[in-house]
Amino acid sequence: MIEMPPPPEPPELEPDKIRALIDYADKQAAYVEAEMKLMRELGRTTPDEDLSELVAGWKFTAQGLRDSYDGQF
């Protein structure tokens, strides 16, 4: 049977640093969503410019940070 190593622990960071990282990821998601909306309004969208996966990635990152630090933030 394969022996699993212990799960990794998130790095110890000051609470303000963790909040700043989460805030950055949230703001990046909102920015890219606004950028996509503007492109649609200007009629400049193509399938290559669909950034929804990027938005989902930023949202996933923010949630992952929250979860890694036990939902404290």
PDB file of N, CA and C in Angstrom:
ATOM      1  N   MET A   1       0.838  -1.172   0.000  1.00  0.00           N
ATOM      2  CA  MET A   1       0.000   0.000   0.000  1.00  0.00           C
ATOM      3  C   MET A   1       0.894   1.250   0.000  1.00  0.00           C
ATOM      4  N   ILE A   2       0.447   2.260  -0.691  1.00  0.00           N
ATOM      5  CA  ILE A   2       1.193   3.516  -0.759  1.00  0.00           C
ATOM      6  C   ILE A   2       1.002   4.283   0.538  1.00  0.00           C
ATOM      7  N   GLU A   3       2.116   4.709   1.095  1.00  0.00           N
ATOM      8  CA  GLU A   3       2.044   5.497   2.322  1.00  0.00           C
ATOM      9  C   GLU A   3       1.999   6.971   1.949  1.00  0.00           C
ATOM     10  N   MET A   4       0.989   7.653   2.439  1.00  0.00           N
ATOM     11  CA  MET A   4       0.816   9.066   2.120  1.00  0.00           C
ATOM     12  C   MET A   4       1.628   9.938   3.073  1.00  0.00           C
ATOM     13  N   PRO A   5       2.277  10.955   2.528  1.00  0.00           N
ATOM     14  CA  PRO A   5       2.963  11.898   3.405  1.00  0.00           C
ATOM     15  C   PRO A   5       1.921  12.787   4.090  1.00  0.00           C
ATOM     16  N   PRO A   6       2.297  13.451   5.156  1.00  0.00           N
ATOM     17  CA  PRO A   6       1.348  14.355   5.798  1.00  0.00           C
ATOM     18  C   PRO A   6       1.020  15.523   4.856  1.00  0.00           C
ATOM     19  N   PRO A   7      -0.170  16.064   4.962  1.00  0.00           N
ATOM     20  CA  PRO A   7      -0.523  17.183   4.077  1.00  0.00           C
ATOM     21  C   PRO A   7       0.337  18.412   4.397  1.00  0.00           C
ATOM     22  N   PRO A   8       0.620  19.218   3.397  1.00  0.00           N
ATOM     23  CA  PRO A   8       1.427  20.415   3.644  1.00  0.00           C
ATOM     24  C   PRO A   8       0.648  21.446   4.460  1.00  0.00           C
ATOM     25  N   GLU A   9       1.368  22.201   5.227  1.00  0.00           N
ATOM     26  CA  GLU A   9       0.777  23.285   6.007  1.00  0.00           C
ATOM     27  C   GLU A   9       1.040  24.596   5.275  1.00  0.00           C
ATOM     28  N   PRO A  10       0.100  25.531   5.312  1.00  0.00           N
ATOM     29  CA  PRO A  10       0.369  26.818   4.661  1.00  0.00           C
ATOM     30  C   PRO A  10       1.468  27.558   5.422  1.00  0.00           C
ATOM     31  N   PRO A  11       2.192  28.414   4.730  1.00  0.00           N
ATOM     32  CA  PRO A  11       3.249  29.146   5.414  1.00  0.00           C
ATOM     33  C   PRO A  11       2.669  30.071   6.484  1.00  0.00           C
ATOM     34  N   GLU A  12       3.458  30.280   7.511  1.00  0.00           N
ATOM     35  CA  GLU A  12       3.020  31.205   8.556  1.00  0.00           C
ATOM     36  C   GLU A  12       3.225  32.623   8.049  1.00  0.00           C
ATOM     37  N   LEU A  13       2.130  33.320   7.913  1.00  0.00           N
ATOM     38  CA  LEU A  13       2.165  34.714   7.466  1.00  0.00           C
ATOM     39  C   LEU A  13       1.393  35.571   8.447  1.00  0.00           C
ATOM     40  N   GLU A  14       1.761  36.831   8.474  1.00  0.00           N
ATOM     41  CA  GLU A  14       1.017  37.763   9.311  1.00  0.00           C
ATOM     42  C   GLU A  14      -0.402  37.886   8.762  1.00  0.00           C
ATOM     43  N   PRO A  15      -1.389  38.010   9.649  1.00  0.00           N
ATOM     44  CA  PRO A  15      -2.784  38.109   9.189  1.00  0.00           C
ATOM     45  C   PRO A  15      -3.003  39.190   8.127  1.00  0.00           C
ATOM     46  N   ASP A  16      -2.320  40.325   8.256  1.00  0.00           N
ATOM     47  CA  ASP A  16      -2.487  41.392   7.258  1.00  0.00           C
ATOM     48  C   ASP A  16      -2.000  40.960   5.882  1.00  0.00           C
ATOM     49  N   LYS A  17      -0.953  40.153   5.846  1.00  0.00           N
ATOM     50  CA  LYS A  17      -0.427  39.661   4.567  1.00  0.00           C
ATOM     51  C   LYS A  17      -1.414  38.692   3.918  1.00  0.00           C
ATOM     52  N   ILE A  18      -2.010  37.844   4.732  1.00  0.00           N
ATOM     53  CA  ILE A  18      -2.993  36.879   4.217  1.00  0.00           C
ATOM     54  C   ILE A  18      -4.204  37.636   3.666  1.00  0.00           C
ATOM     55  N   ARG A  19      -4.693  38.593   4.434  1.00  0.00           N
ATOM     56  CA  ARG A  19      -5.842  39.398   3.972  1.00  0.00           C
ATOM     57  C   ARG A  19      -5.502  40.118   2.663  1.00  0.00           C
ATOM     58  N   ALA A  20      -4.282  40.639   2.569  1.00  0.00           N
ATOM     59  CA  ALA A  20      -3.871  41.353   1.358  1.00  0.00           C
ATOM     60  C   ALA A  20      -3.833  40.412   0.157  1.00  0.00           C
ATOM     61  N   LEU A  21      -3.348  39.196   0.338  1.00  0.00           N
ATOM     62  CA  LEU A  21      -3.314  38.237  -0.768  1.00  0.00           C
ATOM     63  C   LEU A  21      -4.719  37.853  -1.219  1.00  0.00           C
ATOM     64  N   ILE A  22      -5.610  37.635  -0.254  1.00  0.00           N
ATOM     65  CA  ILE A  22      -6.996  37.297  -0.592  1.00  0.00           C
ATOM     66  C   ILE A  22      -7.657  38.464  -1.310  1.00  0.00           C
ATOM     67  N   ASP A  23      -7.443  39.665  -0.803  1.00  0.00           N
ATOM     68  CA  ASP A  23      -8.015  40.867  -1.413  1.00  0.00           C
ATOM     69  C   ASP A  23      -7.502  41.041  -2.846  1.00  0.00           C
ATOM     70  N   TYR A  24      -6.216  40.805  -3.035  1.00  0.00           N
ATOM     71  CA  TYR A  24      -5.626  40.915  -4.373  1.00  0.00           C
ATOM     72  C   TYR A  24      -6.295  39.931  -5.340  1.00  0.00           C
ATOM     73  N   ALA A  25      -6.453  38.693  -4.922  1.00  0.00           N
ATOM     74  CA  ALA A  25      -7.083  37.692  -5.790  1.00  0.00           C
ATOM     75  C   ALA A  25      -8.530  38.060  -6.100  1.00  0.00           C
ATOM     76  N   ASP A  26      -9.266  38.530  -5.091  1.00  0.00           N
ATOM     77  CA  ASP A  26     -10.656  38.970  -5.318  1.00  0.00           C
ATOM     78  C   ASP A  26     -10.712  40.128  -6.304  1.00  0.00           C
ATOM     79  N   LYS A  27      -9.804  41.090  -6.127  1.00  0.00           N
ATOM     80  CA  LYS A  27      -9.794  42.265  -7.012  1.00  0.00           C
ATOM     81  C   LYS A  27      -9.379  41.893  -8.430  1.00  0.00           C
ATOM     82  N   GLN A  28      -8.456  40.950  -8.576  1.00  0.00           N
ATOM     83  CA  GLN A  28      -8.055  40.498  -9.909  1.00  0.00           C
ATOM     84  C   GLN A  28      -9.241  39.865 -10.634  1.00  0.00           C
ATOM     85  N   ALA A  29     -10.003  39.045  -9.924  1.00  0.00           N
ATOM     86  CA  ALA A  29     -11.186  38.418 -10.527  1.00  0.00           C
ATOM     87  C   ALA A  29     -12.178  39.487 -10.975  1.00  0.00           C
ATOM     88  N   ALA A  30     -12.425  40.470 -10.117  1.00  0.00           N
ATOM     89  CA  ALA A  30     -13.378  41.542 -10.454  1.00  0.00           C
ATOM     90  C   ALA A  30     -12.867  42.368 -11.639  1.00  0.00           C
ATOM     91  N   TYR A  31     -11.578  42.633 -11.678  1.00  0.00           N
ATOM     92  CA  TYR A  31     -10.995  43.420 -12.769  1.00  0.00           C
ATOM     93  C   TYR A  31     -11.146  42.696 -14.105  1.00  0.00           C
ATOM     94  N   VAL A  32     -10.822  41.427 -14.126  1.00  0.00           N
ATOM     95  CA  VAL A  32     -10.904  40.669 -15.382  1.00  0.00           C
ATOM     96  C   VAL A  32     -12.365  40.551 -15.823  1.00  0.00           C
ATOM     97  N   GLU A  33     -13.275  40.382 -14.866  1.00  0.00           N
ATOM     98  CA  GLU A  33     -14.709  40.351 -15.220  1.00  0.00           C
ATOM     99  C   GLU A  33     -15.131  41.681 -15.840  1.00  0.00           C
ATOM    100  N   ALA A  34     -14.684  42.796 -15.259  1.00  0.00           N
ATOM    101  CA  ALA A  34     -15.027  44.119 -15.801  1.00  0.00           C
ATOM    102  C   ALA A  34     -14.416  44.302 -17.190  1.00  0.00           C
ATOM    103  N   GLU A  35     -13.204  43.803 -17.367  1.00  0.00           N
ATOM    104  CA  GLU A  35     -12.546  43.896 -18.667  1.00  0.00           C
ATOM    105  C   GLU A  35     -13.329  43.113 -19.724  1.00  0.00           C
ATOM    106  N   MET A  36     -13.793  41.931 -19.375  1.00  0.00           N
ATOM    107  CA  MET A  36     -14.587  41.136 -20.320  1.00  0.00           C
ATOM    108  C   MET A  36     -15.897  41.841 -20.657  1.00  0.00           C
ATOM    109  N   LYS A  37     -16.529  42.440 -19.648  1.00  0.00           N
ATOM    110  CA  LYS A  37     -17.790  43.159 -19.873  1.00  0.00           C
ATOM    111  C   LYS A  37     -17.570  44.331 -20.827  1.00  0.00           C
ATOM    112  N   LEU A  38     -16.495  45.080 -20.608  1.00  0.00           N
ATOM    113  CA  LEU A  38     -16.190  46.210 -21.482  1.00  0.00           C
ATOM    114  C   LEU A  38     -15.945  45.737 -22.909  1.00  0.00           C
ATOM    115  N   MET A  39     -15.213  44.653 -23.064  1.00  0.00           N
ATOM    116  CA  MET A  39     -14.944  44.128 -24.408  1.00  0.00           C
ATOM    117  C   MET A  39     -16.244  43.731 -25.106  1.00  0.00           C
ATOM    118  N   ARG A  40     -17.170  43.134 -24.346  1.00  0.00           N
ATOM    119  CA  ARG A  40     -18.474  42.768 -24.939  1.00  0.00           C
ATOM    120  C   ARG A  40     -19.233  44.019 -25.365  1.00  0.00           C
ATOM    121  N   GLU A  41     -19.239  45.044 -24.502  1.00  0.00           N
ATOM    122  CA  GLU A  41     -19.957  46.281 -24.822  1.00  0.00           C
ATOM    123  C   GLU A  41     -19.373  46.972 -26.056  1.00  0.00           C
ATOM    124  N   LEU A  42     -18.069  46.847 -26.234  1.00  0.00           N
ATOM    125  CA  LEU A  42     -17.413  47.464 -27.390  1.00  0.00           C
ATOM    126  C   LEU A  42     -17.490  46.582 -28.630  1.00  0.00           C
ATOM    127  N   GLY A  43     -18.046  45.375 -28.465  1.00  0.00           N
ATOM    128  CA  GLY A  43     -18.166  44.460 -29.597  1.00  0.00           C
ATOM    129  C   GLY A  43     -16.838  43.880 -30.035  1.00  0.00           C
ATOM    130  N   ARG A  44     -15.910  43.762 -29.127  1.00  0.00           N
ATOM    131  CA  ARG A  44     -14.567  43.280 -29.470  1.00  0.00           C
ATOM    132  C   ARG A  44     -14.279  41.884 -28.925  1.00  0.00           C
ATOM    133  N   THR A  45     -15.290  41.098 -28.744  1.00  0.00           N
ATOM    134  CA  THR A  45     -15.058  39.777 -28.176  1.00  0.00           C
ATOM    135  C   THR A  45     -14.901  38.724 -29.267  1.00  0.00           C
ATOM    136  N   THR A  46     -14.035  37.805 -28.998  1.00  0.00           N
ATOM    137  CA  THR A  46     -13.856  36.627 -29.841  1.00  0.00           C
ATOM    138  C   THR A  46     -13.703  35.455 -28.876  1.00  0.00           C
ATOM    139  N   PRO A  47     -13.892  34.232 -29.353  1.00  0.00           N
ATOM    140  CA  PRO A  47     -13.713  33.075 -28.457  1.00  0.00           C
ATOM    141  C   PRO A  47     -12.329  33.046 -27.796  1.00  0.00           C
ATOM    142  N   ASP A  48     -11.308  33.569 -28.485  1.00  0.00           N
ATOM    143  CA  ASP A  48      -9.957  33.593 -27.914  1.00  0.00           C
ATOM    144  C   ASP A  48      -9.839  34.555 -26.742  1.00  0.00           C
ATOM    145  N   GLU A  49     -10.763  35.474 -26.631  1.00  0.00           N
ATOM    146  CA  GLU A  49     -10.697  36.483 -25.577  1.00  0.00           C
ATOM    147  C   GLU A  49     -11.625  36.176 -24.406  1.00  0.00           C
ATOM    148  N   ASP A  50     -12.135  34.969 -24.352  1.00  0.00           N
ATOM    149  CA  ASP A  50     -12.979  34.570 -23.228  1.00  0.00           C
ATOM    150  C   ASP A  50     -12.072  34.280 -22.039  1.00  0.00           C
ATOM    151  N   LEU A  51     -12.152  35.135 -21.043  1.00  0.00           N
ATOM    152  CA  LEU A  51     -11.266  35.027 -19.889  1.00  0.00           C
ATOM    153  C   LEU A  51     -11.969  34.435 -18.669  1.00  0.00           C
ATOM    154  N   SER A  52     -13.101  33.750 -18.901  1.00  0.00           N
ATOM    155  CA  SER A  52     -13.834  33.202 -17.748  1.00  0.00           C
ATOM    156  C   SER A  52     -13.023  32.193 -16.947  1.00  0.00           C
ATOM    157  N   GLU A  53     -12.158  31.434 -17.609  1.00  0.00           N
ATOM    158  CA  GLU A  53     -11.327  30.485 -16.866  1.00  0.00           C
ATOM    159  C   GLU A  53     -10.316  31.217 -15.984  1.00  0.00           C
ATOM    160  N   LEU A  54      -9.841  32.349 -16.460  1.00  0.00           N
ATOM    161  CA  LEU A  54      -8.923  33.156 -15.659  1.00  0.00           C
ATOM    162  C   LEU A  54      -9.638  33.706 -14.425  1.00  0.00           C
ATOM    163  N   VAL A  55     -10.858  34.185 -14.621  1.00  0.00           N
ATOM    164  CA  VAL A  55     -11.667  34.675 -13.496  1.00  0.00           C
ATOM    165  C   VAL A  55     -11.887  33.556 -12.486  1.00  0.00           C
ATOM    166  N   ALA A  56     -12.259  32.392 -12.981  1.00  0.00           N
ATOM    167  CA  ALA A  56     -12.486  31.244 -12.098  1.00  0.00           C
ATOM    168  C   ALA A  56     -11.203  30.890 -11.334  1.00  0.00           C
ATOM    169  N   GLY A  57     -10.063  31.005 -11.998  1.00  0.00           N
ATOM    170  CA  GLY A  57      -8.792  30.722 -11.347  1.00  0.00           C
ATOM    171  C   GLY A  57      -8.499  31.685 -10.204  1.00  0.00           C
ATOM    172  N   TRP A  58      -8.758  32.973 -10.422  1.00  0.00           N
ATOM    173  CA  TRP A  58      -8.540  33.951  -9.346  1.00  0.00           C
ATOM    174  C   TRP A  58      -9.498  33.712  -8.186  1.00  0.00           C
ATOM    175  N   LYS A  59     -10.748  33.388  -8.502  1.00  0.00           N
ATOM    176  CA  LYS A  59     -11.719  33.109  -7.433  1.00  0.00           C
ATOM    177  C   LYS A  59     -11.311  31.851  -6.663  1.00  0.00           C
ATOM    178  N   PHE A  60     -10.826  30.855  -7.385  1.00  0.00           N
ATOM    179  CA  PHE A  60     -10.358  29.622  -6.756  1.00  0.00           C
ATOM    180  C   PHE A  60      -9.170  29.918  -5.837  1.00  0.00           C
ATOM    181  N   THR A  61      -8.267  30.765  -6.303  1.00  0.00           N
ATOM    182  CA  THR A  61      -7.099  31.139  -5.501  1.00  0.00           C
ATOM    183  C   THR A  61      -7.514  31.824  -4.211  1.00  0.00           C
ATOM    184  N   ALA A  62      -8.434  32.783  -4.315  1.00  0.00           N
ATOM    185  CA  ALA A  62      -8.901  33.489  -3.117  1.00  0.00           C
ATOM    186  C   ALA A  62      -9.551  32.514  -2.141  1.00  0.00           C
ATOM    187  N   GLN A  63     -10.388  31.619  -2.658  1.00  0.00           N
ATOM    188  CA  GLN A  63     -11.054  30.665  -1.778  1.00  0.00           C
ATOM    189  C   GLN A  63     -10.058  29.678  -1.185  1.00  0.00           C
ATOM    190  N   GLY A  64      -9.090  29.269  -1.977  1.00  0.00           N
ATOM    191  CA  GLY A  64      -8.064  28.365  -1.478  1.00  0.00           C
ATOM    192  C   GLY A  64      -7.275  28.981  -0.339  1.00  0.00           C
ATOM    193  N   LEU A  65      -6.956  30.259  -0.457  1.00  0.00           N
ATOM    194  CA  LEU A  65      -6.260  30.955   0.636  1.00  0.00           C
ATOM    195  C   LEU A  65      -7.133  30.998   1.882  1.00  0.00           C
ATOM    196  N   ARG A  66      -8.411  31.319   1.696  1.00  0.00           N
ATOM    197  CA  ARG A  66      -9.327  31.351   2.851  1.00  0.00           C
ATOM    198  C   ARG A  66      -9.374  29.984   3.526  1.00  0.00           C
ATOM    199  N   ASP A  67      -9.538  28.939   2.710  1.00  0.00           N
ATOM    200  CA  ASP A  67      -9.642  27.583   3.249  1.00  0.00           C
ATOM    201  C   ASP A  67      -8.337  27.137   3.926  1.00  0.00           C
ATOM    202  N   SER A  68      -7.212  27.510   3.345  1.00  0.00           N
ATOM    203  CA  SER A  68      -5.924  27.098   3.906  1.00  0.00           C
ATOM    204  C   SER A  68      -5.680  27.689   5.286  1.00  0.00           C
ATOM    205  N   TYR A  69      -6.253  28.833   5.517  1.00  0.00           N
ATOM    206  CA  TYR A  69      -6.070  29.487   6.807  1.00  0.00           C
ATOM    207  C   TYR A  69      -7.338  29.347   7.645  1.00  0.00           C
ATOM    208  N   ASP A  70      -7.981  28.180   7.517  1.00  0.00           N
ATOM    209  CA  ASP A  70      -9.133  27.781   8.343  1.00  0.00           C
ATOM    210  C   ASP A  70     -10.297  28.778   8.301  1.00  0.00           C
ATOM    211  N   GLY A  71     -10.472  29.433   7.196  1.00  0.00           N
ATOM    212  CA  GLY A  71     -11.606  30.344   7.074  1.00  0.00           C
ATOM    213  C   GLY A  71     -11.537  31.535   8.001  1.00  0.00           C
ATOM    214  N   GLN A  72     -10.364  31.837   8.522  1.00  0.00           N
ATOM    215  CA  GLN A  72     -10.224  32.970   9.432  1.00  0.00           C
ATOM    216  C   GLN A  72     -10.376  34.304   8.724  1.00  0.00           C
ATOM    217  N   PHE A  73     -10.234  34.261   7.388  1.00  0.00           N
ATOM    218  CA  PHE A  73     -10.211  35.524   6.665  1.00  0.00           C
ATOM    219  C   PHE A  73     -11.306  35.569   5.651  1.00  0.00           C
TER     220      PHE A  73
END
